Each structure stands twice: as C-alpha cells, then as structure tokens.
N, C-alpha and C. Protein backbone atom coordinates (compact mmCIF):
# COMPACT_ATOMS: atom_id res chain seq x y z
N MET A 1 -50.27 -103.02 -109.49
CA MET A 1 -49.90 -101.71 -109.00
C MET A 1 -51.11 -100.79 -109.10
N GLY A 2 -51.53 -100.29 -108.00
CA GLY A 2 -52.71 -99.46 -108.00
C GLY A 2 -52.50 -98.17 -107.24
N MET A 3 -53.60 -97.57 -106.93
CA MET A 3 -53.56 -96.30 -106.21
C MET A 3 -52.96 -96.47 -104.82
N ASP A 4 -53.20 -97.60 -104.20
CA ASP A 4 -52.64 -97.86 -102.88
C ASP A 4 -51.11 -97.90 -102.91
N ASP A 5 -50.54 -98.45 -103.97
CA ASP A 5 -49.08 -98.50 -104.09
C ASP A 5 -48.50 -97.10 -104.21
N ASN A 6 -49.16 -96.24 -104.97
CA ASN A 6 -48.70 -94.86 -105.07
C ASN A 6 -48.74 -94.17 -103.71
N ARG A 7 -49.79 -94.43 -102.95
CA ARG A 7 -49.93 -93.82 -101.62
C ARG A 7 -48.83 -94.34 -100.68
N VAL A 8 -48.56 -95.64 -100.75
CA VAL A 8 -47.51 -96.22 -99.91
C VAL A 8 -46.15 -95.63 -100.29
N PHE A 9 -45.90 -95.48 -101.58
CA PHE A 9 -44.63 -94.90 -102.03
C PHE A 9 -44.50 -93.45 -101.58
N LEU A 10 -45.57 -92.70 -101.69
CA LEU A 10 -45.54 -91.30 -101.23
C LEU A 10 -45.30 -91.22 -99.72
N ASN A 11 -45.91 -92.12 -98.97
CA ASN A 11 -45.65 -92.17 -97.52
C ASN A 11 -44.20 -92.52 -97.24
N TYR A 12 -43.67 -93.46 -97.99
CA TYR A 12 -42.25 -93.83 -97.85
C TYR A 12 -41.36 -92.61 -98.09
N LEU A 13 -41.65 -91.88 -99.15
CA LEU A 13 -40.86 -90.68 -99.45
C LEU A 13 -41.03 -89.61 -98.38
N ALA A 14 -42.24 -89.49 -97.86
CA ALA A 14 -42.51 -88.49 -96.83
C ALA A 14 -41.72 -88.74 -95.55
N PHE A 15 -41.38 -89.99 -95.29
CA PHE A 15 -40.63 -90.31 -94.07
C PHE A 15 -39.13 -90.43 -94.29
N THR A 16 -38.68 -90.44 -95.55
CA THR A 16 -37.24 -90.59 -95.79
C THR A 16 -36.60 -89.34 -96.39
N VAL A 17 -37.25 -88.72 -97.36
CA VAL A 17 -36.64 -87.59 -98.07
C VAL A 17 -36.36 -86.38 -97.18
N PRO A 18 -37.22 -86.02 -96.24
CA PRO A 18 -36.90 -84.85 -95.39
C PRO A 18 -35.58 -85.00 -94.62
N HIS A 19 -35.28 -86.20 -94.17
CA HIS A 19 -34.02 -86.41 -93.44
C HIS A 19 -32.82 -86.18 -94.35
N VAL A 20 -32.91 -86.69 -95.56
CA VAL A 20 -31.83 -86.51 -96.53
C VAL A 20 -31.70 -85.04 -96.90
N THR A 21 -32.82 -84.36 -97.05
CA THR A 21 -32.81 -82.95 -97.42
C THR A 21 -32.14 -82.10 -96.34
N VAL A 22 -32.47 -82.35 -95.10
CA VAL A 22 -31.87 -81.60 -94.00
C VAL A 22 -30.36 -81.87 -93.92
N PHE A 23 -29.96 -83.11 -94.09
CA PHE A 23 -28.53 -83.44 -94.03
C PHE A 23 -27.77 -82.77 -95.17
N ALA A 24 -28.26 -82.89 -96.40
CA ALA A 24 -27.58 -82.28 -97.54
C ALA A 24 -27.55 -80.76 -97.40
N GLY A 25 -28.64 -80.17 -96.92
CA GLY A 25 -28.67 -78.73 -96.70
C GLY A 25 -27.70 -78.28 -95.63
N ALA A 26 -27.55 -79.09 -94.59
CA ALA A 26 -26.59 -78.76 -93.53
C ALA A 26 -25.16 -78.81 -94.07
N VAL A 27 -24.87 -79.80 -94.88
CA VAL A 27 -23.53 -79.89 -95.50
C VAL A 27 -23.28 -78.67 -96.37
N PHE A 28 -24.28 -78.28 -97.16
CA PHE A 28 -24.15 -77.09 -98.00
C PHE A 28 -23.89 -75.85 -97.14
N GLY A 29 -24.65 -75.69 -96.06
CA GLY A 29 -24.47 -74.55 -95.18
C GLY A 29 -23.08 -74.51 -94.55
N ILE A 30 -22.59 -75.65 -94.15
CA ILE A 30 -21.24 -75.71 -93.57
C ILE A 30 -20.20 -75.34 -94.60
N LEU A 31 -20.37 -75.83 -95.83
CA LEU A 31 -19.42 -75.49 -96.90
C LEU A 31 -19.41 -73.99 -97.18
N VAL A 32 -20.58 -73.38 -97.18
CA VAL A 32 -20.66 -71.93 -97.41
C VAL A 32 -20.01 -71.17 -96.25
N LEU A 33 -20.28 -71.62 -95.02
CA LEU A 33 -19.66 -70.96 -93.86
C LEU A 33 -18.15 -71.10 -93.85
N LEU A 34 -17.65 -72.18 -94.40
CA LEU A 34 -16.20 -72.38 -94.48
C LEU A 34 -15.56 -71.54 -95.57
N GLY A 35 -16.38 -70.86 -96.35
CA GLY A 35 -15.85 -69.97 -97.38
C GLY A 35 -15.54 -70.66 -98.69
N ILE A 36 -16.05 -71.85 -98.90
CA ILE A 36 -15.83 -72.55 -100.16
C ILE A 36 -16.63 -71.85 -101.25
N LYS A 37 -16.05 -71.77 -102.43
CA LYS A 37 -16.70 -71.12 -103.57
C LYS A 37 -18.11 -71.67 -103.75
N THR A 38 -19.05 -70.80 -104.00
CA THR A 38 -20.46 -71.17 -104.07
C THR A 38 -20.73 -72.23 -105.14
N SER A 39 -20.10 -72.10 -106.30
CA SER A 39 -20.34 -73.08 -107.36
C SER A 39 -19.83 -74.46 -106.95
N LEU A 40 -18.73 -74.52 -106.24
CA LEU A 40 -18.21 -75.80 -105.76
C LEU A 40 -19.12 -76.37 -104.68
N ALA A 41 -19.58 -75.52 -103.77
CA ALA A 41 -20.49 -75.97 -102.72
C ALA A 41 -21.80 -76.49 -103.31
N LEU A 42 -22.31 -75.82 -104.34
CA LEU A 42 -23.54 -76.27 -104.99
C LEU A 42 -23.34 -77.61 -105.69
N GLY A 43 -22.18 -77.79 -106.30
CA GLY A 43 -21.88 -79.06 -106.95
C GLY A 43 -21.82 -80.20 -105.94
N ILE A 44 -21.17 -79.96 -104.81
CA ILE A 44 -21.09 -80.97 -103.76
C ILE A 44 -22.49 -81.27 -103.21
N PHE A 45 -23.28 -80.22 -102.99
CA PHE A 45 -24.64 -80.39 -102.49
C PHE A 45 -25.48 -81.22 -103.45
N ALA A 46 -25.48 -80.86 -104.72
CA ALA A 46 -26.31 -81.57 -105.70
C ALA A 46 -25.87 -83.02 -105.84
N LEU A 47 -24.57 -83.26 -105.85
CA LEU A 47 -24.07 -84.63 -105.96
C LEU A 47 -24.44 -85.45 -104.72
N LEU A 48 -24.21 -84.89 -103.55
CA LEU A 48 -24.53 -85.60 -102.31
C LEU A 48 -26.03 -85.86 -102.19
N TYR A 49 -26.83 -84.85 -102.47
CA TYR A 49 -28.28 -84.99 -102.39
C TYR A 49 -28.78 -86.02 -103.40
N GLY A 50 -28.27 -85.95 -104.62
CA GLY A 50 -28.66 -86.90 -105.65
C GLY A 50 -28.29 -88.33 -105.31
N VAL A 51 -27.09 -88.53 -104.79
CA VAL A 51 -26.65 -89.88 -104.42
C VAL A 51 -27.51 -90.43 -103.28
N MET A 52 -27.82 -89.60 -102.31
CA MET A 52 -28.64 -90.08 -101.19
C MET A 52 -30.08 -90.36 -101.64
N LEU A 53 -30.63 -89.53 -102.52
CA LEU A 53 -31.96 -89.82 -103.05
C LEU A 53 -31.94 -91.08 -103.91
N LEU A 54 -30.86 -91.27 -104.64
CA LEU A 54 -30.71 -92.49 -105.44
C LEU A 54 -30.64 -93.71 -104.54
N ALA A 55 -29.97 -93.61 -103.42
CA ALA A 55 -29.90 -94.72 -102.47
C ALA A 55 -31.29 -95.06 -101.94
N ILE A 56 -32.08 -94.04 -101.64
CA ILE A 56 -33.46 -94.27 -101.19
C ILE A 56 -34.25 -94.99 -102.28
N ALA A 57 -34.06 -94.55 -103.52
CA ALA A 57 -34.77 -95.17 -104.64
C ALA A 57 -34.36 -96.62 -104.82
N LEU A 58 -33.08 -96.91 -104.67
CA LEU A 58 -32.61 -98.29 -104.87
C LEU A 58 -33.09 -99.21 -103.76
N VAL A 59 -33.23 -98.70 -102.56
CA VAL A 59 -33.76 -99.51 -101.45
C VAL A 59 -35.21 -99.90 -101.74
N ALA A 60 -35.96 -98.98 -102.34
CA ALA A 60 -37.39 -99.22 -102.60
C ALA A 60 -37.65 -99.87 -103.95
N ARG A 61 -36.61 -100.12 -104.72
CA ARG A 61 -36.77 -100.61 -106.09
C ARG A 61 -37.60 -101.89 -106.19
N GLU A 62 -37.32 -102.83 -105.33
CA GLU A 62 -37.99 -104.13 -105.41
C GLU A 62 -39.51 -104.00 -105.27
N HIS A 63 -39.95 -103.08 -104.45
CA HIS A 63 -41.39 -102.96 -104.19
C HIS A 63 -42.12 -102.01 -105.13
N PHE A 64 -41.42 -100.98 -105.63
CA PHE A 64 -42.11 -99.91 -106.34
C PHE A 64 -41.65 -99.71 -107.78
N SER A 65 -40.80 -100.57 -108.32
CA SER A 65 -40.21 -100.32 -109.64
C SER A 65 -41.24 -100.25 -110.77
N GLY A 66 -42.43 -100.78 -110.57
CA GLY A 66 -43.45 -100.72 -111.61
C GLY A 66 -44.23 -99.42 -111.64
N LEU A 67 -44.05 -98.57 -110.67
CA LEU A 67 -44.82 -97.32 -110.59
C LEU A 67 -44.19 -96.23 -111.46
N GLY A 68 -45.03 -95.48 -112.14
CA GLY A 68 -44.54 -94.34 -112.90
C GLY A 68 -43.96 -93.28 -112.00
N LEU A 69 -44.55 -93.10 -110.83
CA LEU A 69 -44.05 -92.14 -109.86
C LEU A 69 -42.63 -92.51 -109.39
N TYR A 70 -42.39 -93.80 -109.23
CA TYR A 70 -41.05 -94.26 -108.84
C TYR A 70 -40.04 -93.93 -109.94
N ARG A 71 -40.42 -94.17 -111.18
CA ARG A 71 -39.52 -93.90 -112.30
C ARG A 71 -39.21 -92.42 -112.40
N LEU A 72 -40.21 -91.58 -112.14
CA LEU A 72 -40.00 -90.14 -112.14
C LEU A 72 -39.03 -89.73 -111.02
N TYR A 73 -39.21 -90.30 -109.85
CA TYR A 73 -38.32 -90.04 -108.71
C TYR A 73 -36.90 -90.50 -109.02
N LEU A 74 -36.78 -91.66 -109.63
CA LEU A 74 -35.46 -92.19 -110.00
C LEU A 74 -34.79 -91.28 -111.03
N ALA A 75 -35.55 -90.82 -112.01
CA ALA A 75 -35.00 -89.91 -113.03
C ALA A 75 -34.54 -88.60 -112.39
N PHE A 76 -35.31 -88.08 -111.45
CA PHE A 76 -34.92 -86.85 -110.76
C PHE A 76 -33.63 -87.06 -109.97
N SER A 77 -33.50 -88.21 -109.33
CA SER A 77 -32.28 -88.51 -108.56
C SER A 77 -31.06 -88.58 -109.47
N VAL A 78 -31.20 -89.24 -110.60
CA VAL A 78 -30.09 -89.34 -111.56
C VAL A 78 -29.76 -87.96 -112.13
N PHE A 79 -30.80 -87.16 -112.39
CA PHE A 79 -30.58 -85.80 -112.87
C PHE A 79 -29.78 -84.97 -111.86
N LEU A 80 -30.10 -85.11 -110.58
CA LEU A 80 -29.35 -84.39 -109.54
C LEU A 80 -27.89 -84.82 -109.49
N VAL A 81 -27.65 -86.12 -109.61
CA VAL A 81 -26.27 -86.62 -109.63
C VAL A 81 -25.52 -86.04 -110.82
N ALA A 82 -26.14 -86.08 -112.00
CA ALA A 82 -25.50 -85.55 -113.20
C ALA A 82 -25.25 -84.05 -113.07
N THR A 83 -26.20 -83.32 -112.52
CA THR A 83 -26.04 -81.89 -112.32
C THR A 83 -24.91 -81.60 -111.34
N GLY A 84 -24.84 -82.38 -110.26
CA GLY A 84 -23.75 -82.21 -109.30
C GLY A 84 -22.39 -82.47 -109.93
N LEU A 85 -22.30 -83.52 -110.74
CA LEU A 85 -21.03 -83.81 -111.42
C LEU A 85 -20.66 -82.69 -112.38
N PHE A 86 -21.64 -82.17 -113.11
CA PHE A 86 -21.39 -81.07 -114.04
C PHE A 86 -20.93 -79.82 -113.29
N LEU A 87 -21.60 -79.48 -112.20
CA LEU A 87 -21.22 -78.30 -111.43
C LEU A 87 -19.83 -78.46 -110.81
N LEU A 88 -19.54 -79.64 -110.31
CA LEU A 88 -18.21 -79.89 -109.76
C LEU A 88 -17.13 -79.76 -110.83
N TYR A 89 -17.39 -80.33 -111.99
CA TYR A 89 -16.44 -80.24 -113.10
C TYR A 89 -16.19 -78.77 -113.47
N ARG A 90 -17.28 -78.01 -113.63
CA ARG A 90 -17.13 -76.59 -113.99
C ARG A 90 -16.38 -75.81 -112.91
N ALA A 91 -16.69 -76.11 -111.64
CA ALA A 91 -16.06 -75.37 -110.54
C ALA A 91 -14.57 -75.70 -110.44
N LEU A 92 -14.22 -76.95 -110.69
CA LEU A 92 -12.83 -77.36 -110.53
C LEU A 92 -11.98 -77.03 -111.74
N VAL A 93 -12.53 -77.12 -112.93
CA VAL A 93 -11.77 -76.86 -114.15
C VAL A 93 -11.63 -75.37 -114.43
N HIS A 94 -12.68 -74.62 -114.16
CA HIS A 94 -12.68 -73.19 -114.48
C HIS A 94 -12.30 -72.31 -113.29
N SER A 95 -11.59 -72.86 -112.32
CA SER A 95 -11.22 -72.03 -111.18
C SER A 95 -9.84 -71.43 -111.34
C-alpha cells in the first residue's frame, strides 16, 4: 500500500461521494418542504447518508482495507449512521 493507493482511493471517493451527497441532500430538502420536524429530517438524512457512505466503503473494502485513509472514511460512515440513529431516537421519543 503506497501513495498510489491513496490517490486511487481518493479518486474513487471523488467519483462516488458527490452522487450520494446530492441524493441525501435532496431527500433532506424534500422532508423539510413536506413540513417534517427538522430534528426528524436531520436524523433521516444522517442515517441515509451514513448508510450510503458505508455501502461505498464496503464495495471498496477488498482493495483499500489496508489504508489508513480507508479506515478513517469507514469510521466517519459508522459515526454518521450512529448519529442518525441517535437523532431519530431523540426525535421520535421526545416528540
């Protein structure tokens, strides 16, 4: 694993993450326009975005699992999923 692998992984992210970001943002915007409570919409957004980023990470796992950058990306994806679940729980229980 060298510098070239990091560059390839960054290129992979550059071509996949923007699509996921636009989709998750569009879902968030639609939820807000529908009048859904902001905390619930944020929870759905974070969970959806995290799951989709996690899917991207799992597809690339075989090739990039040895990279520190990959592990950081994976941790961020899991953090987003956990944050989304926490926000959803708070929005649904405390409503």
